[in-house]
Amino acid sequence: MSVRVRYFAAAAEAAGTDAEDRAEHSLAALRAGVVADHPALGGILDRCAVLVDGTRHDDDAPLAGVTYVDVLPPFAGG
């Protein structure tokens, strides 16, 4: 199983990439794994919107059958 994680804006800068394939089986494990691999994400991940196949998740969720996880930092502006 592989899930494509897409990072946007400051999250991409912190991760050093705009996308990667991950093998974690739950959203909680994914959050822990990306912070372990990209420590700079630790400072912003808790403020990011995390979308699992287009639906926002703030809690743990299984990733079986999921295609994309998008990590979007808060946006400012108007």
C-alpha atoms as a PDB file:
ATOM      1  CA  MET A   1       0.000   0.000   0.000  1.00  0.00           C
ATOM      2  CA  SER A   2       1.253   3.436  -0.898  1.00  0.00           C
ATOM      3  CA  VAL A   3      -0.306   6.841  -0.322  1.00  0.00           C
ATOM      4  CA  ARG A   4       0.788   9.939  -2.238  1.00  0.00           C
ATOM      5  CA  VAL A   5       1.349  12.816   0.201  1.00  0.00           C
ATOM      6  CA  ARG A   6       1.253  16.257  -1.392  1.00  0.00           C
ATOM      7  CA  TYR A   7       2.672  19.243   0.457  1.00  0.00           C
ATOM      8  CA  PHE A   8       1.714  22.826  -0.326  1.00  0.00           C
ATOM      9  CA  ALA A   9       3.301  26.239   0.362  1.00  0.00           C
ATOM     10  CA  ALA A  10       5.168  26.328   3.704  1.00  0.00           C
ATOM     11  CA  ALA A  11       4.591  22.597   4.231  1.00  0.00           C
ATOM     12  CA  ALA A  12       6.421  21.851   0.952  1.00  0.00           C
ATOM     13  CA  GLU A  13       9.243  24.138   2.012  1.00  0.00           C
ATOM     14  CA  ALA A  14       9.508  22.423   5.409  1.00  0.00           C
ATOM     15  CA  ALA A  15       9.404  18.946   3.842  1.00  0.00           C
ATOM     16  CA  GLY A  16      11.868  19.866   1.114  1.00  0.00           C
ATOM     17  CA  THR A  17       9.552  18.356  -1.497  1.00  0.00           C
ATOM     18  CA  ASP A  18       6.102  18.904  -2.909  1.00  0.00           C
ATOM     19  CA  ALA A  19       5.128  15.216  -2.879  1.00  0.00           C
ATOM     20  CA  GLU A  20       6.234  11.767  -1.767  1.00  0.00           C
ATOM     21  CA  ASP A  21       4.850   8.246  -1.503  1.00  0.00           C
ATOM     22  CA  ARG A  22       4.395   6.886   2.019  1.00  0.00           C
ATOM     23  CA  ALA A  23       3.494   3.447   3.385  1.00  0.00           C
ATOM     24  CA  GLU A  24       1.885   4.246   6.764  1.00  0.00           C
ATOM     25  CA  HIS A  25      -1.477   2.579   7.431  1.00  0.00           C
ATOM     26  CA  SER A  26      -3.134   5.337   9.482  1.00  0.00           C
ATOM     27  CA  LEU A  27      -3.200   9.098   9.538  1.00  0.00           C
ATOM     28  CA  ALA A  28      -1.638   9.174  13.017  1.00  0.00           C
ATOM     29  CA  ALA A  29       1.264   7.009  11.824  1.00  0.00           C
ATOM     30  CA  LEU A  30       1.628   9.183   8.732  1.00  0.00           C
ATOM     31  CA  ARG A  31       1.816  12.356  10.817  1.00  0.00           C
ATOM     32  CA  ALA A  32       4.492  10.800  13.041  1.00  0.00           C
ATOM     33  CA  GLY A  33       6.412   9.437  10.064  1.00  0.00           C
ATOM     34  CA  VAL A  34       6.555  12.666   8.077  1.00  0.00           C
ATOM     35  CA  VAL A  35       7.732  14.617  11.136  1.00  0.00           C
ATOM     36  CA  ALA A  36      10.401  11.981  11.818  1.00  0.00           C
ATOM     37  CA  ASP A  37      11.600  12.201   8.212  1.00  0.00           C
ATOM     38  CA  HIS A  38      11.147  15.980   7.866  1.00  0.00           C
ATOM     39  CA  PRO A  39      11.709  17.529  11.332  1.00  0.00           C
ATOM     40  CA  ALA A  40      10.915  21.054  10.094  1.00  0.00           C
ATOM     41  CA  LEU A  41       7.301  19.921   9.598  1.00  0.00           C
ATOM     42  CA  GLY A  42       7.000  19.451  13.348  1.00  0.00           C
ATOM     43  CA  GLY A  43       6.574  23.173  13.843  1.00  0.00           C
ATOM     44  CA  ILE A  44       3.697  23.577  11.410  1.00  0.00           C
ATOM     45  CA  LEU A  45       1.936  20.225  10.920  1.00  0.00           C
ATOM     46  CA  ASP A  46      -0.437  20.717  13.847  1.00  0.00           C
ATOM     47  CA  ARG A  47      -1.690  23.953  12.217  1.00  0.00           C
ATOM     48  CA  CYS A  48      -2.088  22.422   8.761  1.00  0.00           C
ATOM     49  CA  ALA A  49      -5.295  21.191   7.204  1.00  0.00           C
ATOM     50  CA  VAL A  50      -4.863  17.526   6.322  1.00  0.00           C
ATOM     51  CA  LEU A  51      -7.144  16.284   3.551  1.00  0.00           C
ATOM     52  CA  VAL A  52      -7.574  12.553   2.948  1.00  0.00           C
ATOM     53  CA  ASP A  53      -8.831  12.129  -0.609  1.00  0.00           C
ATOM     54  CA  GLY A  54     -10.301  15.629  -0.363  1.00  0.00           C
ATOM     55  CA  THR A  55     -11.904  15.340   3.086  1.00  0.00           C
ATOM     56  CA  ARG A  56     -10.430  17.127   6.098  1.00  0.00           C
ATOM     57  CA  HIS A  57      -9.315  14.935   9.002  1.00  0.00           C
ATOM     58  CA  ASP A  58      -8.030  16.198  12.345  1.00  0.00           C
ATOM     59  CA  ASP A  59      -8.114  12.791  13.999  1.00  0.00           C
ATOM     60  CA  ASP A  60      -6.742   9.380  13.193  1.00  0.00           C
ATOM     61  CA  ALA A  61      -8.100   7.682  10.090  1.00  0.00           C
ATOM     62  CA  PRO A  62      -7.168   4.471   8.280  1.00  0.00           C
ATOM     63  CA  LEU A  63      -5.382   5.007   4.974  1.00  0.00           C
ATOM     64  CA  ALA A  64      -6.358   1.728   3.269  1.00  0.00           C
ATOM     65  CA  GLY A  65      -7.625   2.521  -0.212  1.00  0.00           C
ATOM     66  CA  VAL A  66      -6.636   6.194   0.043  1.00  0.00           C
ATOM     67  CA  THR A  67      -4.987   7.791  -2.990  1.00  0.00           C
ATOM     68  CA  TYR A  68      -3.890  11.218  -1.720  1.00  0.00           C
ATOM     69  CA  VAL A  69      -3.190  13.014   1.521  1.00  0.00           C
ATOM     70  CA  ASP A  70      -2.803  16.766   1.101  1.00  0.00           C
ATOM     71  CA  VAL A  71      -1.015  18.884   3.707  1.00  0.00           C
ATOM     72  CA  LEU A  72      -2.071  22.535   3.476  1.00  0.00           C
ATOM     73  CA  PRO A  73      -0.707  25.139   5.876  1.00  0.00           C
ATOM     74  CA  PRO A  74      -2.908  28.036   6.953  1.00  0.00           C
ATOM     75  CA  PHE A  75      -3.139  30.712   4.304  1.00  0.00           C
ATOM     76  CA  ALA A  76      -3.167  34.427   5.018  1.00  0.00           C
ATOM     77  CA  GLY A  77      -4.453  37.161   2.828  1.00  0.00           C
ATOM     78  CA  GLY A  78      -7.680  38.384   1.532  1.00  0.00           C
END
